């Protein structure tokens, strides 16, 4: 793995950790939905992850088809251009289900470079 990829993955890891912490702080979907600050923090971190994923090489993303790269960029685009159309259920599900899987992947990748 080259340094550029490693740096991108490290930044993605930071944002993924933030999402887990923010959603843990919310506790439940109802609390998440009612707490604008947490909701916006999660969406911003998802936007960052989606943006960062666009800077990974095609070779890297193709070698890891288990990661939904296109969904990441799609969510980024919705967060950036259609923020008020974000589906809270999808954001919550992503934060609670997909991000922990992404965290595992990022740890595996970065641990392999140590």
PDB file of N, CA and C in Angstrom:
ATOM      1  N   UNK A   1       0.846  -1.174   0.000  1.00  0.00           N
ATOM      2  CA  UNK A   1       0.000   0.000   0.000  1.00  0.00           C
ATOM      3  C   UNK A   1       0.897   1.245   0.000  1.00  0.00           C
ATOM      4  N   UNK A   2       0.579   2.167  -0.872  1.00  0.00           N
ATOM      5  CA  UNK A   2       1.384   3.386  -0.924  1.00  0.00           C
ATOM      6  C   UNK A   2       0.960   4.362   0.179  1.00  0.00           C
ATOM      7  N   UNK A   3       1.776   5.388   0.375  1.00  0.00           N
ATOM      8  CA  UNK A   3       1.537   6.349   1.460  1.00  0.00           C
ATOM      9  C   UNK A   3       0.234   7.119   1.274  1.00  0.00           C
ATOM     10  N   UNK A   4      -0.085   7.453   0.045  1.00  0.00           N
ATOM     11  CA  UNK A   4      -1.322   8.198  -0.230  1.00  0.00           C
ATOM     12  C   UNK A   4      -2.538   7.394   0.197  1.00  0.00           C
ATOM     13  N   UNK A   5      -2.575   6.125  -0.184  1.00  0.00           N
ATOM     14  CA  UNK A   5      -3.689   5.253   0.200  1.00  0.00           C
ATOM     15  C   UNK A   5      -3.753   5.108   1.711  1.00  0.00           C
ATOM     16  N   UNK A   6      -2.612   4.918   2.326  1.00  0.00           N
ATOM     17  CA  UNK A   6      -2.571   4.774   3.779  1.00  0.00           C
ATOM     18  C   UNK A   6      -3.135   6.019   4.462  1.00  0.00           C
ATOM     19  N   UNK A   7      -2.750   7.186   3.995  1.00  0.00           N
ATOM     20  CA  UNK A   7      -3.238   8.436   4.581  1.00  0.00           C
ATOM     21  C   UNK A   7      -4.748   8.571   4.422  1.00  0.00           C
ATOM     22  N   UNK A   8      -5.252   8.240   3.247  1.00  0.00           N
ATOM     23  CA  UNK A   8      -6.698   8.303   3.005  1.00  0.00           C
ATOM     24  C   UNK A   8      -7.428   7.359   3.957  1.00  0.00           C
ATOM     25  N   UNK A   9      -6.927   6.136   4.089  1.00  0.00           N
ATOM     26  CA  UNK A   9      -7.565   5.159   4.973  1.00  0.00           C
ATOM     27  C   UNK A   9      -7.514   5.604   6.432  1.00  0.00           C
ATOM     28  N   UNK A  10      -6.431   6.243   6.825  1.00  0.00           N
ATOM     29  CA  UNK A  10      -6.330   6.760   8.198  1.00  0.00           C
ATOM     30  C   UNK A  10      -7.373   7.843   8.452  1.00  0.00           C
ATOM     31  N   UNK A  11      -7.584   8.718   7.483  1.00  0.00           N
ATOM     32  CA  UNK A  11      -8.609   9.755   7.626  1.00  0.00           C
ATOM     33  C   UNK A  11     -10.009   9.144   7.651  1.00  0.00           C
ATOM     34  N   UNK A  12     -10.221   8.140   6.823  1.00  0.00           N
ATOM     35  CA  UNK A  12     -11.506   7.443   6.841  1.00  0.00           C
ATOM     36  C   UNK A  12     -11.734   6.792   8.203  1.00  0.00           C
ATOM     37  N   UNK A  13     -10.687   6.210   8.755  1.00  0.00           N
ATOM     38  CA  UNK A  13     -10.776   5.579  10.072  1.00  0.00           C
ATOM     39  C   UNK A  13     -11.183   6.603  11.130  1.00  0.00           C
ATOM     40  N   UNK A  14     -10.579   7.774  11.098  1.00  0.00           N
ATOM     41  CA  UNK A  14     -10.941   8.831  12.056  1.00  0.00           C
ATOM     42  C   UNK A  14     -12.432   9.176  11.962  1.00  0.00           C
ATOM     43  N   UNK A  15     -12.916   9.352  10.738  1.00  0.00           N
ATOM     44  CA  UNK A  15     -14.330   9.694  10.563  1.00  0.00           C
ATOM     45  C   UNK A  15     -15.238   8.538  10.971  1.00  0.00           C
ATOM     46  N   UNK A  16     -14.846   7.317  10.664  1.00  0.00           N
ATOM     47  CA  UNK A  16     -15.656   6.160  11.054  1.00  0.00           C
ATOM     48  C   UNK A  16     -15.734   6.040  12.572  1.00  0.00           C
ATOM     49  N   UNK A  17     -14.619   6.269  13.241  1.00  0.00           N
ATOM     50  CA  UNK A  17     -14.627   6.246  14.716  1.00  0.00           C
ATOM     51  C   UNK A  17     -15.560   7.327  15.258  1.00  0.00           C
ATOM     52  N   UNK A  18     -15.512   8.505  14.651  1.00  0.00           N
ATOM     53  CA  UNK A  18     -16.397   9.584  15.089  1.00  0.00           C
ATOM     54  C   UNK A  18     -17.864   9.181  14.935  1.00  0.00           C
ATOM     55  N   UNK A  19     -18.200   8.582  13.824  1.00  0.00           N
ATOM     56  CA  UNK A  19     -19.591   8.167  13.584  1.00  0.00           C
ATOM     57  C   UNK A  19     -20.047   7.197  14.663  1.00  0.00           C
ATOM     58  N   UNK A  20     -19.208   6.225  14.982  1.00  0.00           N
ATOM     59  CA  UNK A  20     -19.566   5.262  16.025  1.00  0.00           C
ATOM     60  C   UNK A  20     -19.759   5.982  17.360  1.00  0.00           C
ATOM     61  N   UNK A  21     -18.848   6.871  17.693  1.00  0.00           N
ATOM     62  CA  UNK A  21     -18.958   7.604  18.965  1.00  0.00           C
ATOM     63  C   UNK A  21     -20.217   8.471  18.986  1.00  0.00           C
ATOM     64  N   UNK A  22     -20.478   9.187  17.900  1.00  0.00           N
ATOM     65  CA  UNK A  22     -21.661  10.049  17.853  1.00  0.00           C
ATOM     66  C   UNK A  22     -22.946   9.233  17.977  1.00  0.00           C
ATOM     67  N   UNK A  23     -23.024   8.135  17.245  1.00  0.00           N
ATOM     68  CA  UNK A  23     -24.248   7.339  17.288  1.00  0.00           C
ATOM     69  C   UNK A  23     -24.389   6.610  18.628  1.00  0.00           C
ATOM     70  N   UNK A  24     -23.258   6.229  19.239  1.00  0.00           N
ATOM     71  CA  UNK A  24     -23.319   5.669  20.596  1.00  0.00           C
ATOM     72  C   UNK A  24     -23.867   6.700  21.572  1.00  0.00           C
ATOM     73  N   UNK A  25     -23.422   7.957  21.427  1.00  0.00           N
ATOM     74  CA  UNK A  25     -23.910   9.023  22.298  1.00  0.00           C
ATOM     75  C   UNK A  25     -25.421   9.217  22.149  1.00  0.00           C
ATOM     76  N   UNK A  26     -25.927   9.044  20.937  1.00  0.00           N
ATOM     77  CA  UNK A  26     -27.371   9.191  20.716  1.00  0.00           C
ATOM     78  C   UNK A  26     -28.133   8.082  21.435  1.00  0.00           C
ATOM     79  N   UNK A  27     -27.595   6.882  21.399  1.00  0.00           N
ATOM     80  CA  UNK A  27     -28.216   5.760  22.088  1.00  0.00           C
ATOM     81  C   UNK A  27     -29.306   5.061  21.307  1.00  0.00           C
ATOM     82  N   UNK A  28     -30.285   5.792  20.860  1.00  0.00           N
ATOM     83  CA  UNK A  28     -31.402   5.196  20.134  1.00  0.00           C
ATOM     84  C   UNK A  28     -31.705   6.022  18.891  1.00  0.00           C
ATOM     85  N   UNK A  29     -32.447   5.417  17.985  1.00  0.00           N
ATOM     86  CA  UNK A  29     -32.829   6.128  16.771  1.00  0.00           C
ATOM     87  C   UNK A  29     -33.657   7.365  17.112  1.00  0.00           C
ATOM     88  N   UNK A  30     -34.553   7.243  18.065  1.00  0.00           N
ATOM     89  CA  UNK A  30     -35.404   8.367  18.439  1.00  0.00           C
ATOM     90  C   UNK A  30     -34.556   9.549  18.942  1.00  0.00           C
ATOM     91  N   UNK A  31     -33.570   9.252  19.785  1.00  0.00           N
ATOM     92  CA  UNK A  31     -32.690  10.314  20.286  1.00  0.00           C
ATOM     93  C   UNK A  31     -31.854  10.906  19.156  1.00  0.00           C
ATOM     94  N   UNK A  32     -31.388  10.052  18.269  1.00  0.00           N
ATOM     95  CA  UNK A  32     -30.611  10.496  17.112  1.00  0.00           C
ATOM     96  C   UNK A  32     -31.433  11.455  16.259  1.00  0.00           C
ATOM     97  N   UNK A  33     -32.666  11.054  15.986  1.00  0.00           N
ATOM     98  CA  UNK A  33     -33.557  11.851  15.143  1.00  0.00           C
ATOM     99  C   UNK A  33     -33.835  13.219  15.768  1.00  0.00           C
ATOM    100  N   UNK A  34     -33.897  13.266  17.086  1.00  0.00           N
ATOM    101  CA  UNK A  34     -34.235  14.505  17.778  1.00  0.00           C
ATOM    102  C   UNK A  34     -33.023  15.397  18.066  1.00  0.00           C
ATOM    103  N   UNK A  35     -31.812  14.854  17.941  1.00  0.00           N
ATOM    104  CA  UNK A  35     -30.611  15.627  18.261  1.00  0.00           C
ATOM    105  C   UNK A  35     -29.944  16.090  16.969  1.00  0.00           C
ATOM    106  N   UNK A  36     -30.252  17.306  16.577  1.00  0.00           N
ATOM    107  CA  UNK A  36     -29.745  17.852  15.317  1.00  0.00           C
ATOM    108  C   UNK A  36     -28.222  17.871  15.270  1.00  0.00           C
ATOM    109  N   UNK A  37     -27.593  18.180  16.392  1.00  0.00           N
ATOM    110  CA  UNK A  37     -26.134  18.259  16.405  1.00  0.00           C
ATOM    111  C   UNK A  37     -25.512  16.897  16.098  1.00  0.00           C
ATOM    112  N   UNK A  38     -26.020  15.837  16.709  1.00  0.00           N
ATOM    113  CA  UNK A  38     -25.476  14.499  16.448  1.00  0.00           C
ATOM    114  C   UNK A  38     -25.783  14.081  15.017  1.00  0.00           C
ATOM    115  N   UNK A  39     -26.991  14.304  14.578  1.00  0.00           N
ATOM    116  CA  UNK A  39     -27.362  13.933  13.211  1.00  0.00           C
ATOM    117  C   UNK A  39     -26.448  14.623  12.199  1.00  0.00           C
ATOM    118  N   UNK A  40     -26.240  15.929  12.374  1.00  0.00           N
ATOM    119  CA  UNK A  40     -25.399  16.661  11.431  1.00  0.00           C
ATOM    120  C   UNK A  40     -23.939  16.212  11.509  1.00  0.00           C
ATOM    121  N   UNK A  41     -23.476  15.872  12.695  1.00  0.00           N
ATOM    122  CA  UNK A  41     -22.099  15.385  12.845  1.00  0.00           C
ATOM    123  C   UNK A  41     -21.918  14.050  12.124  1.00  0.00           C
ATOM    124  N   UNK A  42     -22.893  13.162  12.242  1.00  0.00           N
ATOM    125  CA  UNK A  42     -22.818  11.865  11.553  1.00  0.00           C
ATOM    126  C   UNK A  42     -22.845  12.074  10.044  1.00  0.00           C
ATOM    127  N   UNK A  43     -23.750  12.906   9.578  1.00  0.00           N
ATOM    128  CA  UNK A  43     -23.850  13.153   8.133  1.00  0.00           C
ATOM    129  C   UNK A  43     -22.558  13.756   7.603  1.00  0.00           C
ATOM    130  N   UNK A  44     -21.973  14.701   8.326  1.00  0.00           N
ATOM    131  CA  UNK A  44     -20.715  15.308   7.880  1.00  0.00           C
ATOM    132  C   UNK A  44     -19.603  14.272   7.805  1.00  0.00           C
ATOM    133  N   UNK A  45     -19.534  13.393   8.777  1.00  0.00           N
ATOM    134  CA  UNK A  45     -18.504  12.351   8.759  1.00  0.00           C
ATOM    135  C   UNK A  45     -18.746  11.356   7.626  1.00  0.00           C
ATOM    136  N   UNK A  46     -20.010  11.058   7.339  1.00  0.00           N
ATOM    137  CA  UNK A  46     -20.317  10.196   6.190  1.00  0.00           C
ATOM    138  C   UNK A  46     -19.918  10.886   4.887  1.00  0.00           C
ATOM    139  N   UNK A  47     -20.180  12.178   4.812  1.00  0.00           N
ATOM    140  CA  UNK A  47     -19.775  12.956   3.641  1.00  0.00           C
ATOM    141  C   UNK A  47     -18.258  12.883   3.472  1.00  0.00           C
ATOM    142  N   UNK A  48     -17.525  13.051   4.558  1.00  0.00           N
ATOM    143  CA  UNK A  48     -16.061  12.977   4.494  1.00  0.00           C
ATOM    144  C   UNK A  48     -15.588  11.616   4.000  1.00  0.00           C
ATOM    145  N   UNK A  49     -16.170  10.555   4.527  1.00  0.00           N
ATOM    146  CA  UNK A  49     -15.775   9.206   4.105  1.00  0.00           C
ATOM    147  C   UNK A  49     -16.045   9.018   2.615  1.00  0.00           C
ATOM    148  N   UNK A  50     -17.203   9.477   2.170  1.00  0.00           N
ATOM    149  CA  UNK A  50     -17.527   9.361   0.748  1.00  0.00           C
ATOM    150  C   UNK A  50     -16.565  10.137  -0.126  1.00  0.00           C
ATOM    151  N   UNK A  51     -16.219  11.322   0.310  1.00  0.00           N
ATOM    152  CA  UNK A  51     -15.260  12.141  -0.443  1.00  0.00           C
ATOM    153  C   UNK A  51     -13.882  11.479  -0.464  1.00  0.00           C
ATOM    154  N   UNK A  52     -13.441  11.015   0.686  1.00  0.00           N
ATOM    155  CA  UNK A  52     -12.135  10.349   0.751  1.00  0.00           C
ATOM    156  C   UNK A  52     -12.091   9.113  -0.144  1.00  0.00           C
ATOM    157  N   UNK A  53     -13.185   8.376  -0.190  1.00  0.00           N
ATOM    158  CA  UNK A  53     -13.198   7.152  -1.006  1.00  0.00           C
ATOM    159  C   UNK A  53     -12.993   7.456  -2.487  1.00  0.00           C
ATOM    160  N   UNK A  54     -13.367   8.662  -2.917  1.00  0.00           N
ATOM    161  CA  UNK A  54     -13.182   9.015  -4.335  1.00  0.00           C
ATOM    162  C   UNK A  54     -11.719   9.255  -4.674  1.00  0.00           C
ATOM    163  N   UNK A  55     -10.888   9.403  -3.659  1.00  0.00           N
ATOM    164  CA  UNK A  55      -9.465   9.650  -3.886  1.00  0.00           C
ATOM    165  C   UNK A  55      -8.626   8.380  -3.842  1.00  0.00           C
ATOM    166  N   UNK A  56      -9.274   7.247  -3.582  1.00  0.00           N
ATOM    167  CA  UNK A  56      -8.565   5.965  -3.638  1.00  0.00           C
ATOM    168  C   UNK A  56      -8.419   5.540  -5.091  1.00  0.00           C
ATOM    169  N   UNK A  57      -7.365   4.823  -5.375  1.00  0.00           N
ATOM    170  CA  UNK A  57      -7.137   4.379  -6.755  1.00  0.00           C
ATOM    171  C   UNK A  57      -8.195   3.352  -7.173  1.00  0.00           C
ATOM    172  N   UNK A  58      -8.455   3.310  -8.467  1.00  0.00           N
ATOM    173  CA  UNK A  58      -9.372   2.299  -9.003  1.00  0.00           C
ATOM    174  C   UNK A  58      -8.855   0.902  -8.695  1.00  0.00           C
ATOM    175  N   UNK A  59      -7.551   0.749  -8.725  1.00  0.00           N
ATOM    176  CA  UNK A  59      -6.939  -0.549  -8.429  1.00  0.00           C
ATOM    177  C   UNK A  59      -7.265  -0.985  -6.999  1.00  0.00           C
ATOM    178  N   UNK A  60      -7.154  -0.056  -6.044  1.00  0.00           N
ATOM    179  CA  UNK A  60      -7.433  -0.388  -4.650  1.00  0.00           C
ATOM    180  C   UNK A  60      -8.900  -0.757  -4.466  1.00  0.00           C
ATOM    181  N   UNK A  61      -9.799   0.076  -4.971  1.00  0.00           N
ATOM    182  CA  UNK A  61     -11.223  -0.207  -4.770  1.00  0.00           C
ATOM    183  C   UNK A  61     -11.645  -1.487  -5.493  1.00  0.00           C
ATOM    184  N   UNK A  62     -11.090  -1.737  -6.676  1.00  0.00           N
ATOM    185  CA  UNK A  62     -11.427  -2.965  -7.404  1.00  0.00           C
ATOM    186  C   UNK A  62     -10.937  -4.209  -6.666  1.00  0.00           C
ATOM    187  N   UNK A  63      -9.855  -4.057  -5.919  1.00  0.00           N
ATOM    188  CA  UNK A  63      -9.323  -5.220  -5.196  1.00  0.00           C
ATOM    189  C   UNK A  63     -10.072  -5.470  -3.890  1.00  0.00           C
ATOM    190  N   UNK A  64     -11.038  -4.608  -3.569  1.00  0.00           N
ATOM    191  CA  UNK A  64     -11.840  -4.776  -2.355  1.00  0.00           C
ATOM    192  C   UNK A  64     -13.325  -4.579  -2.678  1.00  0.00           C
ATOM    193  N   UNK A  65     -13.885  -5.491  -3.488  1.00  0.00           N
ATOM    194  CA  UNK A  65     -15.286  -5.340  -3.894  1.00  0.00           C
ATOM    195  C   UNK A  65     -16.281  -5.558  -2.751  1.00  0.00           C
ATOM    196  N   UNK A  66     -15.807  -6.049  -1.623  1.00  0.00           N
ATOM    197  CA  UNK A  66     -16.700  -6.254  -0.481  1.00  0.00           C
ATOM    198  C   UNK A  66     -17.121  -4.934   0.171  1.00  0.00           C
ATOM    199  N   UNK A  67     -16.438  -3.869  -0.174  1.00  0.00           N
ATOM    200  CA  UNK A  67     -16.759  -2.545   0.361  1.00  0.00           C
ATOM    201  C   UNK A  67     -17.631  -1.812  -0.666  1.00  0.00           C
ATOM    202  N   UNK A  68     -18.745  -1.247  -0.234  1.00  0.00           N
ATOM    203  CA  UNK A  68     -19.671  -0.572  -1.170  1.00  0.00           C
ATOM    204  C   UNK A  68     -19.214   0.843  -1.537  1.00  0.00           C
ATOM    205  N   UNK A  69     -18.139   0.920  -2.300  1.00  0.00           N
ATOM    206  CA  UNK A  69     -17.541   2.213  -2.654  1.00  0.00           C
ATOM    207  C   UNK A  69     -18.542   3.146  -3.323  1.00  0.00           C
ATOM    208  N   UNK A  70     -19.330   2.624  -4.260  1.00  0.00           N
ATOM    209  CA  UNK A  70     -20.286   3.476  -4.983  1.00  0.00           C
ATOM    210  C   UNK A  70     -21.377   4.001  -4.057  1.00  0.00           C
ATOM    211  N   UNK A  71     -21.757   3.200  -3.071  1.00  0.00           N
ATOM    212  CA  UNK A  71     -22.753   3.659  -2.101  1.00  0.00           C
ATOM    213  C   UNK A  71     -22.179   4.800  -1.243  1.00  0.00           C
ATOM    214  N   UNK A  72     -20.881   4.681  -0.930  1.00  0.00           N
ATOM    215  CA  UNK A  72     -20.236   5.744  -0.148  1.00  0.00           C
ATOM    216  C   UNK A  72     -20.264   7.062  -0.904  1.00  0.00           C
ATOM    217  N   UNK A  73     -19.901   7.010  -2.175  1.00  0.00           N
ATOM    218  CA  UNK A  73     -19.900   8.255  -2.952  1.00  0.00           C
ATOM    219  C   UNK A  73     -21.323   8.746  -3.188  1.00  0.00           C
ATOM    220  N   UNK A  74     -22.251   7.824  -3.341  1.00  0.00           N
ATOM    221  CA  UNK A  74     -23.655   8.211  -3.503  1.00  0.00           C
ATOM    222  C   UNK A  74     -24.184   8.924  -2.276  1.00  0.00           C
ATOM    223  N   UNK A  75     -23.859   8.392  -1.089  1.00  0.00           N
ATOM    224  CA  UNK A  75     -24.302   9.041   0.138  1.00  0.00           C
ATOM    225  C   UNK A  75     -23.625  10.401   0.287  1.00  0.00           C
ATOM    226  N   UNK A  76     -22.376  10.477  -0.103  1.00  0.00           N
ATOM    227  CA  UNK A  76     -21.659  11.756  -0.067  1.00  0.00           C
ATOM    228  C   UNK A  76     -22.364  12.779  -0.943  1.00  0.00           C
ATOM    229  N   UNK A  77     -22.760  12.361  -2.134  1.00  0.00           N
ATOM    230  CA  UNK A  77     -23.421  13.281  -3.057  1.00  0.00           C
ATOM    231  C   UNK A  77     -24.764  13.764  -2.519  1.00  0.00           C
ATOM    232  N   UNK A  78     -25.504  12.868  -1.900  1.00  0.00           N
ATOM    233  CA  UNK A  78     -26.785  13.262  -1.315  1.00  0.00           C
ATOM    234  C   UNK A  78     -26.549  14.227  -0.152  1.00  0.00           C
ATOM    235  N   UNK A  79     -25.557  13.916   0.695  1.00  0.00           N
ATOM    236  CA  UNK A  79     -25.260  14.789   1.836  1.00  0.00           C
ATOM    237  C   UNK A  79     -24.819  16.173   1.365  1.00  0.00           C
ATOM    238  N   UNK A  80     -24.064  16.227   0.283  1.00  0.00           N
ATOM    239  CA  UNK A  80     -23.534  17.504  -0.199  1.00  0.00           C
ATOM    240  C   UNK A  80     -24.556  18.305  -1.003  1.00  0.00           C
ATOM    241  N   UNK A  81     -25.384  17.606  -1.774  1.00  0.00           N
ATOM    242  CA  UNK A  81     -26.251  18.317  -2.712  1.00  0.00           C
ATOM    243  C   UNK A  81     -27.737  18.209  -2.403  1.00  0.00           C
ATOM    244  N   UNK A  82     -28.104  17.265  -1.565  1.00  0.00           N
ATOM    245  CA  UNK A  82     -29.520  17.081  -1.245  1.00  0.00           C
ATOM    246  C   UNK A  82     -29.723  16.817   0.225  1.00  0.00           C
ATOM    247  N   UNK A  83     -28.975  17.563   1.048  1.00  0.00           N
ATOM    248  CA  UNK A  83     -28.937  17.333   2.493  1.00  0.00           C
ATOM    249  C   UNK A  83     -30.327  17.174   3.098  1.00  0.00           C
ATOM    250  N   UNK A  84     -31.248  18.012   2.691  1.00  0.00           N
ATOM    251  CA  UNK A  84     -32.580  17.979   3.295  1.00  0.00           C
ATOM    252  C   UNK A  84     -33.419  16.809   2.792  1.00  0.00           C
ATOM    253  N   UNK A  85     -32.864  16.040   1.883  1.00  0.00           N
ATOM    254  CA  UNK A  85     -33.549  14.841   1.405  1.00  0.00           C
ATOM    255  C   UNK A  85     -32.961  13.566   2.000  1.00  0.00           C
ATOM    256  N   UNK A  86     -32.062  13.708   2.957  1.00  0.00           N
ATOM    257  CA  UNK A  86     -31.439  12.538   3.581  1.00  0.00           C
ATOM    258  C   UNK A  86     -32.500  11.762   4.356  1.00  0.00           C
ATOM    259  N   UNK A  87     -32.468  10.457   4.217  1.00  0.00           N
ATOM    260  CA  UNK A  87     -33.372   9.582   4.947  1.00  0.00           C
ATOM    261  C   UNK A  87     -32.711   9.221   6.277  1.00  0.00           C
ATOM    262  N   UNK A  88     -33.294   9.672   7.372  1.00  0.00           N
ATOM    263  CA  UNK A  88     -32.708   9.433   8.692  1.00  0.00           C
ATOM    264  C   UNK A  88     -32.559   7.952   9.015  1.00  0.00           C
ATOM    265  N   UNK A  89     -33.489   7.148   8.543  1.00  0.00           N
ATOM    266  CA  UNK A  89     -33.396   5.704   8.789  1.00  0.00           C
ATOM    267  C   UNK A  89     -32.154   5.114   8.129  1.00  0.00           C
ATOM    268  N   UNK A  90     -31.873   5.554   6.919  1.00  0.00           N
ATOM    269  CA  UNK A  90     -30.696   5.055   6.200  1.00  0.00           C
ATOM    270  C   UNK A  90     -29.421   5.556   6.871  1.00  0.00           C
ATOM    271  N   UNK A  91     -29.406   6.819   7.277  1.00  0.00           N
ATOM    272  CA  UNK A  91     -28.226   7.358   7.964  1.00  0.00           C
ATOM    273  C   UNK A  91     -27.966   6.580   9.245  1.00  0.00           C
ATOM    274  N   UNK A  92     -29.001   6.341  10.035  1.00  0.00           N
ATOM    275  CA  UNK A  92     -28.859   5.601  11.293  1.00  0.00           C
ATOM    276  C   UNK A  92     -28.391   4.169  11.030  1.00  0.00           C
ATOM    277  N   UNK A  93     -29.019   3.505  10.068  1.00  0.00           N
ATOM    278  CA  UNK A  93     -28.629   2.132   9.747  1.00  0.00           C
ATOM    279  C   UNK A  93     -27.182   2.070   9.272  1.00  0.00           C
ATOM    280  N   UNK A  94     -26.782   3.030   8.478  1.00  0.00           N
ATOM    281  CA  UNK A  94     -25.392   3.085   8.010  1.00  0.00           C
ATOM    282  C   UNK A  94     -24.442   3.263   9.184  1.00  0.00           C
ATOM    283  N   UNK A  95     -24.779   4.178  10.071  1.00  0.00           N
ATOM    284  CA  UNK A  95     -23.925   4.453  11.231  1.00  0.00           C
ATOM    285  C   UNK A  95     -23.807   3.235  12.142  1.00  0.00           C
ATOM    286  N   UNK A  96     -24.896   2.512  12.320  1.00  0.00           N
ATOM    287  CA  UNK A  96     -24.921   1.415  13.291  1.00  0.00           C
ATOM    288  C   UNK A  96     -24.524   0.058  12.695  1.00  0.00           C
ATOM    289  N   UNK A  97     -24.663  -0.104  11.389  1.00  0.00           N
ATOM    290  CA  UNK A  97     -24.400  -1.405  10.759  1.00  0.00           C
ATOM    291  C   UNK A  97     -23.198  -1.380   9.826  1.00  0.00           C
ATOM    292  N   UNK A  98     -23.209  -0.469   8.880  1.00  0.00           N
ATOM    293  CA  UNK A  98     -22.158  -0.454   7.856  1.00  0.00           C
ATOM    294  C   UNK A  98     -20.839   0.118   8.361  1.00  0.00           C
ATOM    295  N   UNK A  99     -20.899   1.134   9.185  1.00  0.00           N
ATOM    296  CA  UNK A  99     -19.661   1.767   9.649  1.00  0.00           C
ATOM    297  C   UNK A  99     -18.831   0.822  10.527  1.00  0.00           C
ATOM    298  N   UNK A 100     -19.427   0.047  11.425  1.00  0.00           N
ATOM    299  CA  UNK A 100     -18.593  -0.920  12.155  1.00  0.00           C
ATOM    300  C   UNK A 100     -17.885  -1.918  11.224  1.00  0.00           C
ATOM    301  N   UNK A 101     -18.558  -2.329  10.150  1.00  0.00           N
ATOM    302  CA  UNK A 101     -17.913  -3.208   9.164  1.00  0.00           C
ATOM    303  C   UNK A 101     -16.759  -2.479   8.470  1.00  0.00           C
ATOM    304  N   UNK A 102     -16.981  -1.219   8.135  1.00  0.00           N
ATOM    305  CA  UNK A 102     -15.919  -0.430   7.516  1.00  0.00           C
ATOM    306  C   UNK A 102     -14.745  -0.267   8.474  1.00  0.00           C
ATOM    307  N   UNK A 103     -15.029  -0.044   9.748  1.00  0.00           N
ATOM    308  CA  UNK A 103     -13.963   0.065  10.746  1.00  0.00           C
ATOM    309  C   UNK A 103     -13.091  -1.182  10.751  1.00  0.00           C
ATOM    310  N   UNK A 104     -13.719  -2.340  10.731  1.00  0.00           N
ATOM    311  CA  UNK A 104     -12.958  -3.606  10.708  1.00  0.00           C
ATOM    312  C   UNK A 104     -12.064  -3.682   9.488  1.00  0.00           C
ATOM    313  N   UNK A 105     -12.617  -3.335   8.334  1.00  0.00           N
ATOM    314  CA  UNK A 105     -11.847  -3.348   7.099  1.00  0.00           C
ATOM    315  C   UNK A 105     -10.658  -2.391   7.186  1.00  0.00           C
ATOM    316  N   UNK A 106     -10.898  -1.188   7.667  1.00  0.00           N
ATOM    317  CA  UNK A 106      -9.836  -0.183   7.756  1.00  0.00           C
ATOM    318  C   UNK A 106      -8.741  -0.633   8.714  1.00  0.00           C
ATOM    319  N   UNK A 107      -9.133  -1.196   9.839  1.00  0.00           N
ATOM    320  CA  UNK A 107      -8.133  -1.722  10.786  1.00  0.00           C
ATOM    321  C   UNK A 107      -7.283  -2.824  10.138  1.00  0.00           C
ATOM    322  N   UNK A 108      -7.941  -3.735   9.423  1.00  0.00           N
ATOM    323  CA  UNK A 108      -7.211  -4.816   8.742  1.00  0.00           C
ATOM    324  C   UNK A 108      -6.189  -4.250   7.764  1.00  0.00           C
ATOM    325  N   UNK A 109      -6.636  -3.293   6.951  1.00  0.00           N
ATOM    326  CA  UNK A 109      -5.764  -2.715   5.946  1.00  0.00           C
ATOM    327  C   UNK A 109      -4.591  -1.984   6.569  1.00  0.00           C
ATOM    328  N   UNK A 110      -4.870  -1.188   7.571  1.00  0.00           N
ATOM    329  CA  UNK A 110      -3.809  -0.390   8.194  1.00  0.00           C
ATOM    330  C   UNK A 110      -2.895  -1.238   9.067  1.00  0.00           C
ATOM    331  N   UNK A 111      -3.434  -2.266   9.704  1.00  0.00           N
ATOM    332  CA  UNK A 111      -2.586  -3.165  10.502  1.00  0.00           C
ATOM    333  C   UNK A 111      -1.607  -3.930   9.605  1.00  0.00           C
ATOM    334  N   UNK A 112      -2.017  -4.194   8.381  1.00  0.00           N
ATOM    335  CA  UNK A 112      -1.155  -4.910   7.438  1.00  0.00           C
ATOM    336  C   UNK A 112       0.040  -4.066   7.013  1.00  0.00           C
ATOM    337  N   UNK A 113      -0.055  -2.752   7.212  1.00  0.00           N
ATOM    338  CA  UNK A 113       1.061  -1.872   6.820  1.00  0.00           C
ATOM    339  C   UNK A 113       2.019  -1.622   7.968  1.00  0.00           C
ATOM    340  N   UNK A 114       1.649  -2.036   9.160  1.00  0.00           N
ATOM    341  CA  UNK A 114       2.495  -1.782  10.341  1.00  0.00           C
ATOM    342  C   UNK A 114       3.662  -2.723  10.412  1.00  0.00           C
TER     343      UNK A 114
END
